[in-house]
C-alpha atoms as a PDB file:
ATOM      1  CA  UNK A   1     -42.420  84.490  18.460  1.00  0.00           C
ATOM      2  CA  UNK A   2     -44.265  84.384  22.246  1.00  0.00           C
ATOM      3  CA  UNK A   3     -42.049  86.740  24.663  1.00  0.00           C
ATOM      4  CA  UNK A   4     -40.453  84.491  27.119  1.00  0.00           C
ATOM      5  CA  UNK A   5     -41.818  85.444  30.820  1.00  0.00           C
ATOM      6  CA  UNK A   6     -39.895  86.156  34.063  1.00  0.00           C
ATOM      7  CA  UNK A   7     -40.801  84.519  37.023  1.00  0.00           C
ATOM      8  CA  UNK A   8     -41.513  86.969  39.926  1.00  0.00           C
ATOM      9  CA  UNK A   9     -42.493  87.483  43.906  1.00  0.00           C
ATOM     10  CA  UNK A  10     -44.777  90.352  44.727  1.00  0.00           C
ATOM     11  CA  UNK A  11     -43.798  91.758  47.954  1.00  0.00           C
ATOM     12  CA  UNK A  12     -46.734  89.694  49.378  1.00  0.00           C
ATOM     13  CA  UNK A  13     -44.842  86.805  48.007  1.00  0.00           C
ATOM     14  CA  UNK A  14     -47.460  86.119  45.434  1.00  0.00           C
ATOM     15  CA  UNK A  15     -45.675  84.274  42.519  1.00  0.00           C
ATOM     16  CA  UNK A  16     -46.516  85.271  39.441  1.00  0.00           C
ATOM     17  CA  UNK A  17     -45.085  86.008  35.598  1.00  0.00           C
ATOM     18  CA  UNK A  18     -44.040  89.607  33.744  1.00  0.00           C
ATOM     19  CA  UNK A  19     -42.996  90.640  30.369  1.00  0.00           C
ATOM     20  CA  UNK A  20     -40.271  92.646  32.120  1.00  0.00           C
ATOM     21  CA  UNK A  21     -38.853  93.236  35.174  1.00  0.00           C
ATOM     22  CA  UNK A  22     -37.483  96.203  36.765  1.00  0.00           C
ATOM     23  CA  UNK A  23     -34.144  95.199  35.787  1.00  0.00           C
ATOM     24  CA  UNK A  24     -35.344  94.514  32.151  1.00  0.00           C
ATOM     25  CA  UNK A  25     -36.496  97.434  31.423  1.00  0.00           C
ATOM     26  CA  UNK A  26     -33.611  99.499  33.247  1.00  0.00           C
ATOM     27  CA  UNK A  27     -31.314  97.290  30.947  1.00  0.00           C
ATOM     28  CA  UNK A  28     -33.081  97.720  27.396  1.00  0.00           C
ATOM     29  CA  UNK A  29     -32.317 101.951  27.729  1.00  0.00           C
ATOM     30  CA  UNK A  30     -31.227 103.017  24.227  1.00  0.00           C
ATOM     31  CA  UNK A  31     -32.201  99.353  22.941  1.00  0.00           C
ATOM     32  CA  UNK A  32     -35.451  98.885  22.542  1.00  0.00           C
ATOM     33  CA  UNK A  33     -38.475 101.409  22.106  1.00  0.00           C
ATOM     34  CA  UNK A  34     -40.851 100.635  24.823  1.00  0.00           C
ATOM     35  CA  UNK A  35     -44.814 101.683  24.827  1.00  0.00           C
ATOM     36  CA  UNK A  36     -46.803 102.826  28.109  1.00  0.00           C
ATOM     37  CA  UNK A  37     -50.474 103.013  28.042  1.00  0.00           C
ATOM     38  CA  UNK A  38     -52.405 104.498  31.631  1.00  0.00           C
ATOM     39  CA  UNK A  39     -56.218 102.208  31.715  1.00  0.00           C
ATOM     40  CA  UNK A  40     -58.970 102.990  33.879  1.00  0.00           C
ATOM     41  CA  UNK A  41     -60.831  99.843  33.756  1.00  0.00           C
ATOM     42  CA  UNK A  42     -60.059  96.132  34.027  1.00  0.00           C
ATOM     43  CA  UNK A  43     -61.343  95.510  30.433  1.00  0.00           C
ATOM     44  CA  UNK A  44     -58.571  97.868  29.108  1.00  0.00           C
ATOM     45  CA  UNK A  45     -55.818  96.560  31.209  1.00  0.00           C
ATOM     46  CA  UNK A  46     -56.981  93.278  29.550  1.00  0.00           C
ATOM     47  CA  UNK A  47     -56.728  94.614  25.935  1.00  0.00           C
ATOM     48  CA  UNK A  48     -53.125  96.715  26.642  1.00  0.00           C
ATOM     49  CA  UNK A  49     -52.053  92.852  27.999  1.00  0.00           C
ATOM     50  CA  UNK A  50     -53.303  91.212  24.802  1.00  0.00           C
ATOM     51  CA  UNK A  51     -52.090  94.159  22.479  1.00  0.00           C
ATOM     52  CA  UNK A  52     -48.615  93.341  23.664  1.00  0.00           C
ATOM     53  CA  UNK A  53     -48.186  97.007  25.275  1.00  0.00           C
ATOM     54  CA  UNK A  54     -45.363  96.743  27.399  1.00  0.00           C
ATOM     55  CA  UNK A  55     -46.051  98.613  30.436  1.00  0.00           C
ATOM     56  CA  UNK A  56     -49.482  99.473  31.998  1.00  0.00           C
ATOM     57  CA  UNK A  57     -50.059 102.557  33.804  1.00  0.00           C
ATOM     58  CA  UNK A  58     -53.155 102.997  36.330  1.00  0.00           C
ATOM     59  CA  UNK A  59     -54.309 105.664  39.427  1.00  0.00           C
ATOM     60  CA  UNK A  60     -54.786 104.847  42.448  1.00  0.00           C
ATOM     61  CA  UNK A  61     -58.275 103.943  42.800  1.00  0.00           C
ATOM     62  CA  UNK A  62     -60.646 101.346  44.397  1.00  0.00           C
ATOM     63  CA  UNK A  63     -60.218  98.804  41.157  1.00  0.00           C
ATOM     64  CA  UNK A  64     -56.498  98.219  41.458  1.00  0.00           C
ATOM     65  CA  UNK A  65     -56.786  94.574  42.253  1.00  0.00           C
ATOM     66  CA  UNK A  66     -59.090  93.841  39.227  1.00  0.00           C
ATOM     67  CA  UNK A  67     -57.190  95.586  36.840  1.00  0.00           C
ATOM     68  CA  UNK A  68     -53.729  93.605  38.149  1.00  0.00           C
ATOM     69  CA  UNK A  69     -55.937  90.546  37.854  1.00  0.00           C
ATOM     70  CA  UNK A  70     -57.353  91.493  34.401  1.00  0.00           C
ATOM     71  CA  UNK A  71     -53.410  92.030  33.545  1.00  0.00           C
ATOM     72  CA  UNK A  72     -51.328  89.407  35.512  1.00  0.00           C
ATOM     73  CA  UNK A  73     -48.499  88.941  33.204  1.00  0.00           C
ATOM     74  CA  UNK A  74     -47.788  93.328  32.401  1.00  0.00           C
ATOM     75  CA  UNK A  75     -45.405  95.246  34.052  1.00  0.00           C
ATOM     76  CA  UNK A  76     -47.790  97.863  36.075  1.00  0.00           C
ATOM     77  CA  UNK A  77     -46.956 100.897  38.115  1.00  0.00           C
ATOM     78  CA  UNK A  78     -49.599 102.665  39.836  1.00  0.00           C
ATOM     79  CA  UNK A  79     -49.681 106.608  40.537  1.00  0.00           C
ATOM     80  CA  UNK A  80     -49.750 107.681  43.524  1.00  0.00           C
ATOM     81  CA  UNK A  81     -50.761 111.168  44.405  1.00  0.00           C
ATOM     82  CA  UNK A  82     -49.020 113.088  47.038  1.00  0.00           C
ATOM     83  CA  UNK A  83     -51.831 115.681  47.815  1.00  0.00           C
ATOM     84  CA  UNK A  84     -52.953 113.391  50.543  1.00  0.00           C
ATOM     85  CA  UNK A  85     -49.884 113.083  52.465  1.00  0.00           C
ATOM     86  CA  UNK A  86     -48.210 115.014  55.248  1.00  0.00           C
ATOM     87  CA  UNK A  87     -46.028 112.742  56.795  1.00  0.00           C
ATOM     88  CA  UNK A  88     -43.828 110.301  54.377  1.00  0.00           C
ATOM     89  CA  UNK A  89     -44.270 107.967  56.658  1.00  0.00           C
ATOM     90  CA  UNK A  90     -48.256 107.612  55.707  1.00  0.00           C
ATOM     91  CA  UNK A  91     -46.978 107.548  52.323  1.00  0.00           C
ATOM     92  CA  UNK A  92     -44.746 105.218  52.729  1.00  0.00           C
ATOM     93  CA  UNK A  93     -47.912 102.881  54.138  1.00  0.00           C
ATOM     94  CA  UNK A  94     -50.276 103.532  51.184  1.00  0.00           C
ATOM     95  CA  UNK A  95     -47.347 102.545  48.963  1.00  0.00           C
ATOM     96  CA  UNK A  96     -46.210  99.025  50.410  1.00  0.00           C
ATOM     97  CA  UNK A  97     -49.903  98.394  50.576  1.00  0.00           C
ATOM     98  CA  UNK A  98     -50.546  99.033  46.762  1.00  0.00           C
ATOM     99  CA  UNK A  99     -47.248  96.704  46.185  1.00  0.00           C
ATOM    100  CA  UNK A 100     -48.810  94.207  48.307  1.00  0.00           C
ATOM    101  CA  UNK A 101     -51.346  93.866  45.780  1.00  0.00           C
ATOM    102  CA  UNK A 102     -49.142  93.076  42.968  1.00  0.00           C
ATOM    103  CA  UNK A 103     -47.967  95.921  41.299  1.00  0.00           C
ATOM    104  CA  UNK A 104     -44.358  96.415  39.899  1.00  0.00           C
ATOM    105  CA  UNK A 105     -44.045  99.632  40.695  1.00  0.00           C
ATOM    106  CA  UNK A 106     -44.834 103.312  41.733  1.00  0.00           C
ATOM    107  CA  UNK A 107     -45.430 106.645  39.915  1.00  0.00           C
ATOM    108  CA  UNK A 108     -44.178 109.389  42.541  1.00  0.00           C
ATOM    109  CA  UNK A 109     -45.728 112.576  39.952  1.00  0.00           C
ATOM    110  CA  UNK A 110     -45.358 115.167  42.677  1.00  0.00           C
ATOM    111  CA  UNK A 111     -44.120 113.889  44.923  1.00  0.00           C
ATOM    112  CA  UNK A 112     -41.560 115.866  47.706  1.00  0.00           C
ATOM    113  CA  UNK A 113     -37.979 114.599  46.556  1.00  0.00           C
ATOM    114  CA  UNK A 114     -37.159 113.824  50.083  1.00  0.00           C
ATOM    115  CA  UNK A 115     -40.058 111.377  50.062  1.00  0.00           C
ATOM    116  CA  UNK A 116     -39.075 109.960  46.954  1.00  0.00           C
ATOM    117  CA  UNK A 117     -35.549 109.241  48.534  1.00  0.00           C
ATOM    118  CA  UNK A 118     -37.390 108.073  51.552  1.00  0.00           C
ATOM    119  CA  UNK A 119     -39.539 105.250  49.767  1.00  0.00           C
ATOM    120  CA  UNK A 120     -36.274 104.189  47.780  1.00  0.00           C
ATOM    121  CA  UNK A 121     -35.012 102.730  51.075  1.00  0.00           C
ATOM    122  CA  UNK A 122     -37.819 100.395  50.720  1.00  0.00           C
ATOM    123  CA  UNK A 123     -36.301  99.208  47.341  1.00  0.00           C
ATOM    124  CA  UNK A 124     -39.932  99.838  45.615  1.00  0.00           C
ATOM    125  CA  UNK A 125     -39.147 100.750  42.165  1.00  0.00           C
ATOM    126  CA  UNK A 126     -41.155 104.418  41.310  1.00  0.00           C
ATOM    127  CA  UNK A 127     -40.656 106.657  38.493  1.00  0.00           C
ATOM    128  CA  UNK A 128     -41.125 110.345  38.626  1.00  0.00           C
ATOM    129  CA  UNK A 129     -42.152 113.294  36.924  1.00  0.00           C
ATOM    130  CA  UNK A 130     -40.408 116.241  35.189  1.00  0.00           C
ATOM    131  CA  UNK A 131     -41.496 119.143  32.567  1.00  0.00           C
ATOM    132  CA  UNK A 132     -45.393 120.238  32.467  1.00  0.00           C
ATOM    133  CA  UNK A 133     -46.153 118.298  35.898  1.00  0.00           C
ATOM    134  CA  UNK A 134     -50.069 119.439  35.766  1.00  0.00           C
ATOM    135  CA  UNK A 135     -50.099 120.070  39.297  1.00  0.00           C
ATOM    136  CA  UNK A 136     -47.122 122.081  39.353  1.00  0.00           C
ATOM    137  CA  UNK A 137     -48.371 123.917  36.413  1.00  0.00           C
ATOM    138  CA  UNK A 138     -48.531 127.407  37.943  1.00  0.00           C
ATOM    139  CA  UNK A 139     -44.975 127.321  38.603  1.00  0.00           C
ATOM    140  CA  UNK A 140     -44.102 127.324  34.997  1.00  0.00           C
ATOM    141  CA  UNK A 141     -46.864 129.789  33.723  1.00  0.00           C
ATOM    142  CA  UNK A 142     -49.696 127.428  33.251  1.00  0.00           C
ATOM    143  CA  UNK A 143     -50.464 124.281  31.209  1.00  0.00           C
ATOM    144  CA  UNK A 144     -48.205 124.739  28.359  1.00  0.00           C
ATOM    145  CA  UNK A 145     -44.753 123.068  26.901  1.00  0.00           C
ATOM    146  CA  UNK A 146     -41.705 123.383  29.343  1.00  0.00           C
ATOM    147  CA  UNK A 147     -37.726 123.741  28.132  1.00  0.00           C
ATOM    148  CA  UNK A 148     -38.145 125.675  25.235  1.00  0.00           C
ATOM    149  CA  UNK A 149     -35.798 128.324  26.413  1.00  0.00           C
ATOM    150  CA  UNK A 150     -32.307 127.629  27.447  1.00  0.00           C
ATOM    151  CA  UNK A 151     -32.778 128.518  31.102  1.00  0.00           C
ATOM    152  CA  UNK A 152     -35.625 126.030  31.092  1.00  0.00           C
ATOM    153  CA  UNK A 153     -33.711 123.530  29.324  1.00  0.00           C
ATOM    154  CA  UNK A 154     -31.193 123.557  31.945  1.00  0.00           C
ATOM    155  CA  UNK A 155     -34.012 123.962  34.852  1.00  0.00           C
ATOM    156  CA  UNK A 156     -35.306 120.525  33.321  1.00  0.00           C
ATOM    157  CA  UNK A 157     -32.163 118.834  33.340  1.00  0.00           C
ATOM    158  CA  UNK A 158     -31.534 119.773  36.926  1.00  0.00           C
ATOM    159  CA  UNK A 159     -34.978 118.456  37.846  1.00  0.00           C
ATOM    160  CA  UNK A 160     -34.239 114.952  35.808  1.00  0.00           C
ATOM    161  CA  UNK A 161     -31.046 114.684  37.777  1.00  0.00           C
ATOM    162  CA  UNK A 162     -32.502 115.446  41.360  1.00  0.00           C
ATOM    163  CA  UNK A 163     -34.961 112.754  40.726  1.00  0.00           C
ATOM    164  CA  UNK A 164     -32.512 110.534  39.597  1.00  0.00           C
ATOM    165  CA  UNK A 165     -30.620 111.121  42.497  1.00  0.00           C
ATOM    166  CA  UNK A 166     -33.907 110.056  44.560  1.00  0.00           C
ATOM    167  CA  UNK A 167     -33.052 106.506  43.390  1.00  0.00           C
ATOM    168  CA  UNK A 168     -36.396 106.577  41.016  1.00  0.00           C
ATOM    169  CA  UNK A 169     -35.938 104.110  37.794  1.00  0.00           C
ATOM    170  CA  UNK A 170     -37.720 106.092  35.250  1.00  0.00           C
ATOM    171  CA  UNK A 171     -39.136 109.856  35.042  1.00  0.00           C
ATOM    172  CA  UNK A 172     -42.078 110.676  32.821  1.00  0.00           C
ATOM    173  CA  UNK A 173     -41.325 113.541  30.692  1.00  0.00           C
ATOM    174  CA  UNK A 174     -44.641 115.678  29.782  1.00  0.00           C
ATOM    175  CA  UNK A 175     -44.866 118.115  26.512  1.00  0.00           C
ATOM    176  CA  UNK A 176     -41.323 118.958  26.466  1.00  0.00           C
ATOM    177  CA  UNK A 177     -38.938 119.736  22.785  1.00  0.00           C
ATOM    178  CA  UNK A 178     -37.615 116.595  21.488  1.00  0.00           C
ATOM    179  CA  UNK A 179     -34.476 117.549  21.261  1.00  0.00           C
ATOM    180  CA  UNK A 180     -34.022 118.668  24.399  1.00  0.00           C
ATOM    181  CA  UNK A 181     -35.438 115.406  25.811  1.00  0.00           C
ATOM    182  CA  UNK A 182     -33.346 113.526  23.180  1.00  0.00           C
ATOM    183  CA  UNK A 183     -29.752 115.072  24.804  1.00  0.00           C
ATOM    184  CA  UNK A 184     -31.014 114.356  27.956  1.00  0.00           C
ATOM    185  CA  UNK A 185     -31.922 111.405  27.621  1.00  0.00           C
ATOM    186  CA  UNK A 186     -28.294 110.357  26.612  1.00  0.00           C
ATOM    187  CA  UNK A 187     -26.943 111.866  30.288  1.00  0.00           C
ATOM    188  CA  UNK A 188     -29.247 110.631  32.824  1.00  0.00           C
ATOM    189  CA  UNK A 189     -29.244 106.721  33.880  1.00  0.00           C
ATOM    190  CA  UNK A 190     -32.703 107.134  33.875  1.00  0.00           C
ATOM    191  CA  UNK A 191     -35.319 105.460  31.818  1.00  0.00           C
ATOM    192  CA  UNK A 192     -36.978 108.408  29.751  1.00  0.00           C
ATOM    193  CA  UNK A 193     -40.859 108.301  29.267  1.00  0.00           C
ATOM    194  CA  UNK A 194     -42.444 111.051  26.891  1.00  0.00           C
ATOM    195  CA  UNK A 195     -45.848 111.790  26.636  1.00  0.00           C
ATOM    196  CA  UNK A 196     -45.989 115.046  24.320  1.00  0.00           C
ATOM    197  CA  UNK A 197     -42.046 114.902  24.074  1.00  0.00           C
ATOM    198  CA  UNK A 198     -40.964 112.969  20.658  1.00  0.00           C
ATOM    199  CA  UNK A 199     -39.577 110.056  19.508  1.00  0.00           C
ATOM    200  CA  UNK A 200     -36.206 110.217  21.256  1.00  0.00           C
ATOM    201  CA  UNK A 201     -37.292 108.765  24.730  1.00  0.00           C
ATOM    202  CA  UNK A 202     -36.783 104.962  25.686  1.00  0.00           C
ATOM    203  CA  UNK A 203     -40.830 104.633  26.049  1.00  0.00           C
ATOM    204  CA  UNK A 204     -43.604 106.134  24.625  1.00  0.00           C
ATOM    205  CA  UNK A 205     -46.637 106.629  26.463  1.00  0.00           C
ATOM    206  CA  UNK A 206     -50.115 107.998  25.848  1.00  0.00           C
ATOM    207  CA  UNK A 207     -53.754 107.729  27.586  1.00  0.00           C
ATOM    208  CA  UNK A 208     -56.238 105.174  26.960  1.00  0.00           C
ATOM    209  CA  UNK A 209     -59.358 107.519  26.911  1.00  0.00           C
ATOM    210  CA  UNK A 210     -56.879 109.313  24.278  1.00  0.00           C
ATOM    211  CA  UNK A 211     -56.371 106.580  22.165  1.00  0.00           C
ATOM    212  CA  UNK A 212     -59.796 105.237  22.151  1.00  0.00           C
ATOM    213  CA  UNK A 213     -61.048 108.697  21.683  1.00  0.00           C
ATOM    214  CA  UNK A 214     -63.708 108.868  24.793  1.00  0.00           C
ATOM    215  CA  UNK A 215     -61.684 111.845  26.921  1.00  0.00           C
ATOM    216  CA  UNK A 216     -63.916 114.177  29.200  1.00  0.00           C
ATOM    217  CA  UNK A 217     -61.313 116.882  27.712  1.00  0.00           C
ATOM    218  CA  UNK A 218     -60.401 117.885  24.559  1.00  0.00           C
ATOM    219  CA  UNK A 219     -57.848 115.527  23.065  1.00  0.00           C
ATOM    220  CA  UNK A 220     -54.694 117.371  23.376  1.00  0.00           C
ATOM    221  CA  UNK A 221     -52.254 118.307  20.645  1.00  0.00           C
ATOM    222  CA  UNK A 222     -49.799 115.756  21.361  1.00  0.00           C
ATOM    223  CA  UNK A 223     -52.054 112.681  21.813  1.00  0.00           C
ATOM    224  CA  UNK A 224     -53.777 110.672  18.580  1.00  0.00           C
ATOM    225  CA  UNK A 225     -57.355 109.441  18.747  1.00  0.00           C
ATOM    226  CA  UNK A 226     -57.205 105.829  16.906  1.00  0.00           C
ATOM    227  CA  UNK A 227     -60.929 105.175  17.750  1.00  0.00           C
ATOM    228  CA  UNK A 228     -64.148 107.019  18.168  1.00  0.00           C
ATOM    229  CA  UNK A 229     -65.294 105.503  21.149  1.00  0.00           C
ATOM    230  CA  UNK A 230     -67.234 108.491  22.251  1.00  0.00           C
ATOM    231  CA  UNK A 231     -69.571 108.036  19.198  1.00  0.00           C
ATOM    232  CA  UNK A 232     -69.947 104.398  20.463  1.00  0.00           C
ATOM    233  CA  UNK A 233     -70.783 105.136  24.292  1.00  0.00           C
ATOM    234  CA  UNK A 234     -73.287 107.861  22.833  1.00  0.00           C
ATOM    235  CA  UNK A 235     -75.257 105.481  20.532  1.00  0.00           C
ATOM    236  CA  UNK A 236     -75.317 102.802  23.613  1.00  0.00           C
ATOM    237  CA  UNK A 237     -77.045 105.380  25.698  1.00  0.00           C
ATOM    238  CA  UNK A 238     -79.216 106.190  23.249  1.00  0.00           C
ATOM    239  CA  UNK A 239     -80.152 102.518  22.821  1.00  0.00           C
ATOM    240  CA  UNK A 240     -80.208 102.019  26.482  1.00  0.00           C
ATOM    241  CA  UNK A 241     -83.067 105.138  26.761  1.00  0.00           C
ATOM    242  CA  UNK A 242     -84.998 103.454  23.581  1.00  0.00           C
ATOM    243  CA  UNK A 243     -84.484  99.924  25.059  1.00  0.00           C
ATOM    244  CA  UNK A 244     -85.943 101.062  28.718  1.00  0.00           C
ATOM    245  CA  UNK A 245     -89.031 103.272  27.401  1.00  0.00           C
ATOM    246  CA  UNK A 246     -90.101  99.986  25.100  1.00  0.00           C
ATOM    247  CA  UNK A 247     -90.014  98.199  29.028  1.00  0.00           C
ATOM    248  CA  UNK A 248     -92.035 100.398  30.362  1.00  0.00           C
ATOM    249  CA  UNK A 249     -94.334 100.773  27.487  1.00  0.00           C
ATOM    250  CA  UNK A 250     -94.612  97.168  27.276  1.00  0.00           C
ATOM    251  CA  UNK A 251     -95.711  97.220  31.332  1.00  0.00           C
ATOM    252  CA  UNK A 252     -98.269  99.724  30.672  1.00  0.00           C
ATOM    253  CA  UNK A 253     -99.918  97.962  27.525  1.00  0.00           C
ATOM    254  CA  UNK A 254     -99.887  94.382  29.724  1.00  0.00           C
ATOM    255  CA  UNK A 255     -97.646  92.671  27.628  1.00  0.00           C
ATOM    256  CA  UNK A 256     -94.629  91.750  29.797  1.00  0.00           C
ATOM    257  CA  UNK A 257     -94.470  90.093  31.525  1.00  0.00           C
ATOM    258  CA  UNK A 258     -95.727  87.249  29.074  1.00  0.00           C
ATOM    259  CA  UNK A 259     -96.416  83.364  30.402  1.00  0.00           C
ATOM    260  CA  UNK A 260     -93.064  82.317  29.187  1.00  0.00           C
ATOM    261  CA  UNK A 261     -91.352  84.958  31.598  1.00  0.00           C
ATOM    262  CA  UNK A 262     -93.561  83.595  34.574  1.00  0.00           C
ATOM    263  CA  UNK A 263     -93.173  80.707  36.800  1.00  0.00           C
ATOM    264  CA  UNK A 264     -95.575  78.173  36.742  1.00  0.00           C
ATOM    265  CA  UNK A 265     -97.990  76.554  39.697  1.00  0.00           C
ATOM    266  CA  UNK A 266     -99.920  73.153  39.120  1.00  0.00           C
ATOM    267  CA  UNK A 267    -103.153  74.311  39.395  1.00  0.00           C
ATOM    268  CA  UNK A 268    -103.871  71.468  41.951  1.00  0.00           C
ATOM    269  CA  UNK A 269    -101.709  73.439  44.487  1.00  0.00           C
ATOM    270  CA  UNK A 270    -103.315  76.969  42.970  1.00  0.00           C
ATOM    271  CA  UNK A 271    -106.952  75.775  44.076  1.00  0.00           C
ATOM    272  CA  UNK A 272    -105.649  74.310  47.055  1.00  0.00           C
ATOM    273  CA  UNK A 273    -103.895  77.235  48.598  1.00  0.00           C
ATOM    274  CA  UNK A 274    -106.598  79.540  47.140  1.00  0.00           C
ATOM    275  CA  UNK A 275    -109.076  77.095  49.025  1.00  0.00           C
ATOM    276  CA  UNK A 276    -106.676  77.899  52.185  1.00  0.00           C
ATOM    277  CA  UNK A 277    -107.254  81.900  51.754  1.00  0.00           C
ATOM    278  CA  UNK A 278    -110.607  81.644  51.719  1.00  0.00           C
ATOM    279  CA  UNK A 279    -110.572  80.319  55.082  1.00  0.00           C
ATOM    280  CA  UNK A 280    -107.915  82.274  56.869  1.00  0.00           C
END
């Protein structure tokens, strides 16, 4: 059965159709398991939509428009880093511009809570980030799981409730014990998004480069590689080098270009042109 799409308008009043609205995602909490993938290219976005992935996450990048066009029917959220903003008004300005490109939501991973509350005044949907937040890893002692002790679990719960109070619709929970997130999911209105935090969250999330097997870093313990694109890309690179070498060799040997590669000129016109050059 083909899923019925919802008609929507973007912030700039561009009409479109989506698999989910923000209302749908919130209403499905605890009822249906959803999937989210972070993609990097338009081709990955198109593949995610064709595969029926529920939510696409993209990074704040120049390719936002092409990625949005590649997956026009999938709920899409963009990650907006806080590090470039010293003023919440500057942050909101960029957020409004991103949303106007047809994005459905934003991800405020390491944002100041007050910035997030300010964003909520514009009724722009956004999600937060708790547990292992990479940019805040120094506060928990490095890149490691979080919530494994009683005190950490309490703090995690407080962090998620603080994000809930900003008006966010969801929270990415990274590298948290499954049992802890299960209990918190029952106690928050936020849609919980698990990456390395077990099966009990409302949404299961992974990065495209991990799924496809071409990440620049070792595969994290919580991820699963479904393909080995790195090997494919390496093979393609070797083939590129060989092809370029063959091209150079053909040029030096005089076997390229051949007559079939050239533009033809009538002998009469060639002769006339040659006579012209003799006189000039």
